Amino acid sequence: MDVILGKIWLVIFNSLILLPMLYSVIKTEKRLANIHVISILSVFVTQATDIAVTVSSYRNSLFLNSYLLTLMWQLSLLLSIVSVFYLVLNELKEKYQRNNLKSDWAYVVPAIFEASLLVFFNLSAFNATDVSLISTATGTSLYFIINFYILIGSWLCYKTYVYNLDFDIKYIARKHFFFYLILCLVLFLQQLIFGYVDFATSITTLLMFNIMTHSKTLISQDALSGVNNRVSFNKYINNVFVSREHGAAFIVFIDIDKFKHINDTYGHIEGDEAIALVGKTLKSIAGETNSFVARMGGDEFVLVVNGADETKVKRIIQNITYELEERLIFSNKEYDLTVSCGYVPVAPNSKNIKELIAKADKLMYLDKQNKNQGAVNGVY
């Protein structure tokens, strides 16, 4: 009885975390068929069937078939790990700049195979007189598939953190990577010491962690470009430059060339896509150089590069042009997409940041005028 009460307490504990999370997700997404909702509901199903399995082991009931309940518990546990894996994967895959992860459906194949095994094992146990060997095989295969998804998830997070050049997603990927490793260690110790895996509470914690990091990113991001928004930029400037001592840096002001022409010729939707493309490029560059990038509004961006090396800044501006050209080729756009840049140095412990931003803005417009004049004279 104490075991059942303990499991019920875990359901109550997880409900206190998951129900507000479920309400928030449904309110935000405006739909029930999304991976967040599926992962949360699968945790509830896993815990409910776990309690039912425990009750059936204590009481023989015609209404509680232990084999069927065990199978439901195992399948819901499998659904939990797969749905949470895809929750993290979906958050990572949209941030890959050159790899769209079009084969991400393949990750569900091991789960389908494992589900088939679970059905086979439980049907065999129903007709067998000695189920000890079948029970061991079932537990081993289930434990293996759980750790398989945890390890694959941690590898993808590590790969994203190291090789991906997205400034914001590096934060999420790093956090998820360490969380996955800790989760794998905890489940291993639990299996080693207690001989079973109580996965639902761990999944609950991971879901809570995921939505917190995701919400933090959404609050600081500009929805269209994917880079930090103006509010986040002001906080960054105040925290790093105004309110404390700081080292040397450069402020780079960036503006899309002939953006009005793109809007007027190809439409505002295409104009939004141009802003998004520049945003992805700048996030990539920011990730490479450990810089801060934000959209100031319209087609204007600002990049803060730490350090006193002007050559580095010039190289960054050059790389923006090169990478933007590369992305434009793969995007099959019908127009050219270039940017004009102006940059100013920020002396150590300088506080006149607003003046420097205004100066960088003027230099950016000077660069734009020089380009237009060069185009008129036939010089590009």
Protein backbone atom coordinates (compact mmCIF):
# COMPACT_ATOMS: atom_id res chain seq x y z
CA MET A 1 0.00 0.00 0.00
CA ASP A 2 2.87 2.37 0.79
CA VAL A 3 4.26 1.81 -2.70
CA ILE A 4 0.93 2.80 -4.28
CA LEU A 5 0.64 5.89 -2.07
CA GLY A 6 4.19 6.85 -3.02
CA LYS A 7 3.36 6.60 -6.73
CA ILE A 8 0.17 8.64 -6.23
CA TRP A 9 2.24 11.29 -4.46
CA LEU A 10 4.57 11.44 -7.48
CA VAL A 11 1.54 11.97 -9.73
CA ILE A 12 0.39 14.86 -7.55
CA PHE A 13 3.91 16.33 -7.50
CA ASN A 14 4.28 16.07 -11.27
CA SER A 15 0.79 17.48 -11.80
CA LEU A 16 1.72 20.64 -9.92
CA ILE A 17 4.46 21.17 -12.50
CA LEU A 18 2.89 19.76 -15.64
CA LEU A 19 -0.67 21.11 -15.51
CA PRO A 20 0.33 24.81 -15.54
CA MET A 21 2.85 23.92 -18.24
CA LEU A 22 0.13 22.18 -20.28
CA TYR A 23 -2.19 25.19 -19.92
CA SER A 24 0.58 27.56 -20.99
CA VAL A 25 1.49 25.46 -24.04
CA ILE A 26 -2.13 25.12 -25.23
CA LYS A 27 -2.74 28.84 -24.69
CA THR A 28 0.40 29.75 -26.63
CA GLU A 29 0.18 27.20 -29.44
CA LYS A 30 -3.63 27.45 -29.82
CA ARG A 31 -3.76 23.74 -30.72
CA LEU A 32 -3.63 20.36 -29.00
CA ALA A 33 -1.68 18.42 -31.64
CA ASN A 34 1.86 19.51 -30.84
CA ILE A 35 4.87 17.74 -29.42
CA HIS A 36 4.78 19.66 -26.12
CA VAL A 37 1.23 18.51 -25.36
CA ILE A 38 1.96 14.92 -26.42
CA SER A 39 5.05 14.72 -24.22
CA ILE A 40 3.22 16.12 -21.18
CA LEU A 41 0.18 13.86 -21.59
CA SER A 42 2.40 10.82 -22.15
CA VAL A 43 3.98 11.41 -18.73
CA PHE A 44 0.53 11.38 -17.11
CA VAL A 45 -0.41 8.18 -18.96
CA THR A 46 2.89 6.58 -17.93
CA GLN A 47 2.30 7.33 -14.26
CA ALA A 48 -1.37 6.32 -14.35
CA THR A 49 -0.60 2.95 -15.96
CA ASP A 50 2.31 2.47 -13.55
CA ILE A 51 -0.12 2.83 -10.62
CA ALA A 52 -2.56 0.48 -12.33
CA VAL A 53 0.18 -2.13 -12.80
CA THR A 54 1.12 -1.86 -9.13
CA VAL A 55 -2.52 -2.21 -8.02
CA SER A 56 -3.03 -5.25 -10.27
CA SER A 57 0.04 -6.93 -8.74
CA TYR A 58 -1.54 -6.61 -5.29
CA ARG A 59 -5.08 -7.54 -6.29
CA ASN A 60 -6.21 -10.06 -8.86
CA SER A 61 -9.09 -8.45 -10.71
CA LEU A 62 -11.03 -9.36 -13.81
CA PHE A 63 -11.02 -5.69 -14.77
CA LEU A 64 -7.25 -5.25 -14.36
CA ASN A 65 -5.33 -7.49 -16.74
CA SER A 66 -1.73 -7.22 -15.56
CA TYR A 67 -0.21 -8.13 -18.93
CA LEU A 68 -2.27 -5.55 -20.80
CA LEU A 69 -1.58 -2.86 -18.19
CA THR A 70 2.14 -3.65 -18.24
CA LEU A 71 2.19 -3.34 -22.01
CA MET A 72 0.34 0.00 -21.83
CA TRP A 73 2.81 1.25 -19.22
CA GLN A 74 5.79 0.19 -21.32
CA LEU A 75 4.40 1.75 -24.50
CA SER A 76 3.53 5.01 -22.75
CA LEU A 77 7.02 5.09 -21.25
CA LEU A 78 8.43 4.61 -24.74
CA LEU A 79 6.18 7.38 -26.08
CA SER A 80 7.41 9.69 -23.30
CA ILE A 81 11.08 9.30 -24.13
CA VAL A 82 10.50 9.56 -27.89
CA SER A 83 8.26 12.63 -27.63
CA VAL A 84 10.69 14.44 -25.34
CA PHE A 85 13.54 13.49 -27.67
CA TYR A 86 11.65 15.02 -30.61
CA LEU A 87 10.78 18.03 -28.47
CA VAL A 88 14.47 18.80 -28.10
CA LEU A 89 15.25 17.74 -31.68
CA ASN A 90 12.64 20.10 -33.14
CA GLU A 91 14.10 22.93 -31.10
CA LEU A 92 17.56 22.17 -32.42
CA LYS A 93 16.85 21.26 -36.04
CA GLU A 94 15.29 24.61 -36.99
CA LYS A 95 18.52 26.26 -35.89
CA TYR A 96 20.79 24.21 -38.14
CA GLN A 97 21.89 26.62 -40.83
CA ARG A 98 23.17 24.25 -43.51
CA ASN A 99 21.62 20.95 -42.40
CA ASN A 100 17.84 20.72 -42.38
CA LEU A 101 17.85 17.27 -40.75
CA LYS A 102 15.36 16.03 -43.34
CA SER A 103 15.92 12.45 -42.15
CA ASP A 104 14.82 13.18 -38.58
CA TRP A 105 11.90 10.76 -39.07
CA ALA A 106 14.48 7.93 -38.99
CA TYR A 107 14.93 8.45 -35.25
CA VAL A 108 11.49 6.94 -34.65
CA VAL A 109 12.46 3.61 -36.29
CA PRO A 110 14.17 2.16 -33.14
CA ALA A 111 11.06 3.08 -31.13
CA ILE A 112 8.78 1.26 -33.58
CA PHE A 113 11.04 -1.79 -33.39
CA GLU A 114 11.06 -1.63 -29.59
CA ALA A 115 7.24 -1.32 -29.50
CA SER A 116 7.01 -4.47 -31.61
CA LEU A 117 9.35 -6.26 -29.21
CA LEU A 118 7.28 -5.17 -26.21
CA VAL A 119 4.09 -6.50 -27.78
CA PHE A 120 5.83 -9.79 -28.62
CA PHE A 121 7.33 -10.16 -25.11
CA ASN A 122 4.01 -9.49 -23.37
CA LEU A 123 2.10 -11.90 -25.61
CA SER A 124 4.76 -14.53 -24.90
CA ALA A 125 4.53 -13.89 -21.17
CA PHE A 126 0.74 -14.28 -21.27
CA ASN A 127 1.07 -17.85 -22.58
CA ALA A 128 4.26 -18.84 -20.70
CA THR A 129 4.49 -20.62 -17.37
CA ASP A 130 7.92 -19.17 -16.46
CA VAL A 131 8.10 -15.46 -17.29
CA SER A 132 11.39 -14.63 -15.55
CA LEU A 133 13.47 -14.79 -18.74
CA ILE A 134 10.87 -12.83 -20.73
CA SER A 135 10.66 -10.23 -17.97
CA THR A 136 14.45 -9.81 -18.00
CA ALA A 137 14.50 -9.45 -21.79
CA THR A 138 11.68 -6.89 -21.66
CA GLY A 139 13.38 -4.81 -18.97
CA THR A 140 16.73 -4.93 -20.76
CA SER A 141 15.34 -3.88 -24.13
CA LEU A 142 13.30 -1.06 -22.58
CA TYR A 143 16.25 0.18 -20.55
CA PHE A 144 18.45 0.02 -23.66
CA ILE A 145 16.05 2.05 -25.82
CA ILE A 146 15.62 4.69 -23.12
CA ASN A 147 19.36 5.19 -22.83
CA PHE A 148 19.70 5.07 -26.62
CA TYR A 149 17.47 8.13 -26.99
CA ILE A 150 19.14 9.89 -24.09
CA LEU A 151 22.60 9.35 -25.58
CA ILE A 152 21.50 10.28 -29.11
CA GLY A 153 19.85 13.40 -27.69
CA SER A 154 22.98 14.37 -25.77
CA TRP A 155 25.10 13.81 -28.90
CA LEU A 156 22.85 16.05 -31.00
CA CYS A 157 22.95 18.74 -28.30
CA TYR A 158 26.73 18.51 -28.12
CA LYS A 159 27.01 18.60 -31.91
CA THR A 160 24.74 21.65 -32.05
CA TYR A 161 26.71 23.43 -29.34
CA VAL A 162 30.10 22.79 -30.91
CA TYR A 163 29.42 23.03 -34.64
CA ASN A 164 26.29 25.16 -34.92
CA LEU A 165 26.81 28.91 -35.09
CA ASP A 166 23.52 30.01 -33.60
CA PHE A 167 24.11 32.34 -30.64
CA ASP A 168 20.88 31.64 -28.71
CA ILE A 169 20.61 27.91 -29.41
CA LYS A 170 24.15 27.31 -28.12
CA TYR A 171 22.83 28.22 -24.67
CA ILE A 172 19.93 25.76 -24.91
CA ALA A 173 22.04 23.02 -26.50
CA ARG A 174 24.71 23.27 -23.81
CA LYS A 175 22.13 23.10 -21.01
CA HIS A 176 20.33 20.15 -22.58
CA PHE A 177 23.60 18.34 -23.18
CA PHE A 178 24.59 18.41 -19.50
CA PHE A 179 21.03 17.60 -18.45
CA TYR A 180 20.97 14.55 -20.72
CA LEU A 181 24.25 13.28 -19.30
CA ILE A 182 23.03 13.72 -15.72
CA LEU A 183 19.74 12.00 -16.61
CA CYS A 184 21.61 9.06 -18.13
CA LEU A 185 23.78 8.72 -15.02
CA VAL A 186 20.78 8.92 -12.65
CA LEU A 187 18.83 6.29 -14.57
CA PHE A 188 21.87 4.02 -14.71
CA LEU A 189 22.38 4.27 -10.93
CA GLN A 190 18.66 3.74 -10.36
CA GLN A 191 18.69 0.62 -12.50
CA LEU A 192 21.89 -0.59 -10.84
CA ILE A 193 20.76 0.00 -7.25
CA PHE A 194 16.99 -0.53 -7.34
CA GLY A 195 16.60 -2.69 -10.45
CA TYR A 196 13.95 -0.55 -12.13
CA VAL A 197 13.55 2.79 -13.88
CA ASP A 198 11.03 5.38 -12.65
CA PHE A 199 11.29 7.58 -15.69
CA ALA A 200 8.25 9.84 -15.40
CA THR A 201 9.65 12.18 -12.74
CA SER A 202 12.88 12.63 -14.70
CA ILE A 203 10.88 13.42 -17.84
CA THR A 204 8.81 15.94 -15.88
CA THR A 205 11.95 17.72 -14.76
CA LEU A 206 13.31 17.73 -18.32
CA LEU A 207 10.04 19.13 -19.67
CA MET A 208 10.04 21.87 -17.06
CA PHE A 209 13.66 22.69 -17.89
CA ASN A 210 12.93 22.68 -21.64
CA ILE A 211 10.00 25.06 -21.46
CA MET A 212 11.90 27.41 -19.13
CA THR A 213 14.88 27.68 -21.47
CA HIS A 214 12.57 27.93 -24.48
CA SER A 215 10.57 30.73 -22.82
CA LYS A 216 13.75 32.57 -21.92
CA THR A 217 14.81 32.48 -25.55
CA LEU A 218 11.39 33.68 -26.78
CA ILE A 219 11.40 36.64 -24.39
CA SER A 220 14.77 37.88 -25.63
CA GLN A 221 14.25 37.12 -29.33
CA ASP A 222 12.92 39.12 -32.21
CA ALA A 223 10.25 36.86 -33.70
CA LEU A 224 10.95 37.67 -37.36
CA SER A 225 14.75 37.60 -37.55
CA GLY A 226 15.45 35.18 -34.70
CA VAL A 227 18.15 37.41 -33.20
CA ASN A 228 17.92 39.34 -29.93
CA ASN A 229 15.36 42.13 -29.88
CA ARG A 230 15.86 45.81 -29.04
CA VAL A 231 14.83 45.36 -25.40
CA SER A 232 17.42 42.61 -25.01
CA PHE A 233 20.01 44.85 -26.68
CA ASN A 234 19.34 47.68 -24.23
CA LYS A 235 19.66 45.25 -21.30
CA TYR A 236 22.90 43.91 -22.75
CA ILE A 237 24.38 47.39 -23.20
CA ASN A 238 23.37 48.40 -19.69
CA ASN A 239 24.65 45.21 -18.04
CA VAL A 240 27.91 44.91 -19.97
CA PHE A 241 28.94 48.48 -20.74
CA VAL A 242 27.06 51.10 -18.73
CA SER A 243 26.72 49.65 -15.24
CA ARG A 244 30.16 48.08 -14.91
CA GLU A 245 33.75 48.29 -16.06
CA HIS A 246 34.36 46.69 -19.42
CA GLY A 247 37.02 46.01 -21.99
CA ALA A 248 37.38 47.28 -25.53
CA ALA A 249 34.78 46.41 -28.15
CA PHE A 250 33.35 47.46 -31.50
CA ILE A 251 29.76 48.39 -32.32
CA VAL A 252 28.79 47.45 -35.87
CA PHE A 253 25.61 48.92 -37.31
CA ILE A 254 24.12 46.93 -40.21
CA ASP A 255 21.39 47.79 -42.71
CA ILE A 256 19.95 45.82 -45.65
CA ASP A 257 20.67 47.44 -49.02
CA LYS A 258 17.69 48.32 -51.24
CA PHE A 259 15.26 46.77 -48.80
CA LYS A 260 12.42 49.01 -50.01
CA HIS A 261 13.02 47.77 -53.54
CA ILE A 262 12.68 44.14 -52.33
CA ASN A 263 9.42 44.98 -50.55
CA ASP A 264 7.95 46.93 -53.46
CA THR A 265 9.02 44.44 -56.15
CA TYR A 266 8.56 41.05 -54.48
CA GLY A 267 6.11 41.85 -51.68
CA HIS A 268 6.29 42.23 -47.92
CA ILE A 269 6.37 38.49 -47.31
CA GLU A 270 9.57 38.27 -49.33
CA GLY A 271 10.85 41.30 -47.44
CA ASP A 272 10.25 39.46 -44.16
CA GLU A 273 12.13 36.45 -45.54
CA ALA A 274 15.04 38.73 -46.46
CA ILE A 275 15.15 40.02 -42.86
CA ALA A 276 15.01 36.44 -41.57
CA LEU A 277 17.86 35.42 -43.90
CA VAL A 278 20.05 38.28 -42.70
CA GLY A 279 19.13 37.41 -39.11
CA LYS A 280 20.26 33.79 -39.58
CA THR A 281 23.51 35.00 -41.13
CA LEU A 282 24.25 37.41 -38.30
CA LYS A 283 23.41 34.78 -35.68
CA SER A 284 25.83 32.43 -37.40
CA ILE A 285 28.57 35.07 -37.38
CA ALA A 286 27.81 35.99 -33.77
CA GLY A 287 28.12 32.36 -32.73
CA GLU A 288 31.49 32.05 -34.48
CA THR A 289 32.94 35.19 -32.89
CA ASN A 290 31.18 35.11 -29.50
CA SER A 291 29.54 38.43 -30.35
CA PHE A 292 26.12 39.90 -29.52
CA VAL A 293 23.61 40.60 -32.29
CA ALA A 294 20.21 42.28 -32.16
CA ARG A 295 17.61 43.68 -34.51
CA MET A 296 17.02 47.37 -33.82
CA GLY A 297 13.89 47.59 -35.98
CA GLY A 298 12.96 47.48 -39.65
CA ASP A 299 15.97 46.26 -41.61
CA GLU A 300 18.56 47.52 -39.11
CA PHE A 301 20.76 45.28 -36.97
CA VAL A 302 23.60 45.88 -34.55
CA LEU A 303 26.54 43.60 -33.75
CA VAL A 304 28.74 44.06 -30.68
CA VAL A 305 32.19 42.51 -31.12
CA ASN A 306 34.38 42.18 -28.04
CA GLY A 307 38.07 43.08 -28.30
CA ALA A 308 40.25 45.86 -29.72
CA ASP A 309 41.27 44.13 -32.96
CA GLU A 310 39.93 46.22 -35.85
CA THR A 311 41.20 43.62 -38.35
CA LYS A 312 38.86 41.11 -36.73
CA VAL A 313 35.90 43.45 -37.23
CA LYS A 314 36.75 43.98 -40.91
CA ARG A 315 37.03 40.23 -41.35
CA ILE A 316 33.63 39.75 -39.67
CA ILE A 317 32.01 42.27 -42.02
CA GLN A 318 33.60 40.46 -44.96
CA ASN A 319 32.35 37.12 -43.67
CA ILE A 320 28.83 38.53 -43.37
CA THR A 321 28.92 39.31 -47.09
CA TYR A 322 30.32 35.92 -48.04
CA GLU A 323 27.92 33.91 -45.89
CA LEU A 324 24.93 35.97 -47.00
CA GLU A 325 25.83 35.26 -50.62
CA GLU A 326 26.08 31.53 -49.83
CA ARG A 327 22.70 31.46 -48.11
CA LEU A 328 21.15 33.42 -50.96
CA ILE A 329 22.33 30.81 -53.46
CA PHE A 330 20.82 27.94 -51.47
CA SER A 331 17.58 29.91 -50.94
CA ASN A 332 17.06 30.39 -54.71
CA LYS A 333 16.11 34.05 -54.33
CA GLU A 334 15.55 36.17 -57.43
CA TYR A 335 17.24 39.26 -56.02
CA ASP A 336 20.62 40.27 -54.60
CA LEU A 337 20.80 40.68 -50.84
CA THR A 338 23.65 42.76 -49.44
CA VAL A 339 24.18 44.88 -46.35
CA SER A 340 25.95 48.13 -45.50
CA CYS A 341 27.95 48.35 -42.30
CA GLY A 342 29.44 51.07 -40.13
CA TYR A 343 31.50 50.40 -37.04
CA VAL A 344 33.06 52.39 -34.19
CA PRO A 345 35.46 51.33 -31.43
CA VAL A 346 34.34 51.35 -27.82
CA ALA A 347 37.19 52.29 -25.48
CA PRO A 348 37.58 50.37 -22.20
CA ASN A 349 35.18 51.65 -19.52
CA SER A 350 33.52 54.02 -21.99
CA LYS A 351 29.96 55.04 -21.02
CA ASN A 352 28.86 57.12 -24.03
CA ILE A 353 27.38 54.11 -25.78
CA LYS A 354 24.37 55.97 -27.25
CA GLU A 355 26.68 58.45 -28.96
CA LEU A 356 28.79 55.62 -30.35
CA ILE A 357 25.71 53.82 -31.67
CA ALA A 358 24.59 57.02 -33.42
CA LYS A 359 28.09 57.42 -34.90
CA ALA A 360 28.08 53.81 -36.16
CA ASP A 361 24.66 54.46 -37.69
CA LYS A 362 26.02 57.49 -39.59
CA LEU A 363 29.02 55.52 -40.83
CA MET A 364 26.69 52.79 -42.02
CA TYR A 365 24.70 55.29 -44.08
CA LEU A 366 27.97 56.66 -45.45
CA ASP A 367 28.89 53.13 -46.57
CA LYS A 368 25.47 52.81 -48.20
CA GLN A 369 25.90 56.13 -50.04
CA ASN A 370 29.33 55.09 -51.28
CA LYS A 371 27.86 51.86 -52.65
CA ASN A 372 25.05 53.73 -54.40
CA GLN A 373 27.54 56.21 -55.84
CA GLY A 374 29.74 53.36 -57.00
CA ALA A 375 26.77 51.69 -58.70
CA VAL A 376 25.98 54.94 -60.50
CA ASN A 377 29.59 55.22 -61.71
CA GLY A 378 29.69 51.57 -62.72
CA VAL A 379 32.01 50.57 -59.85
CA TYR A 380 30.88 47.68 -57.64
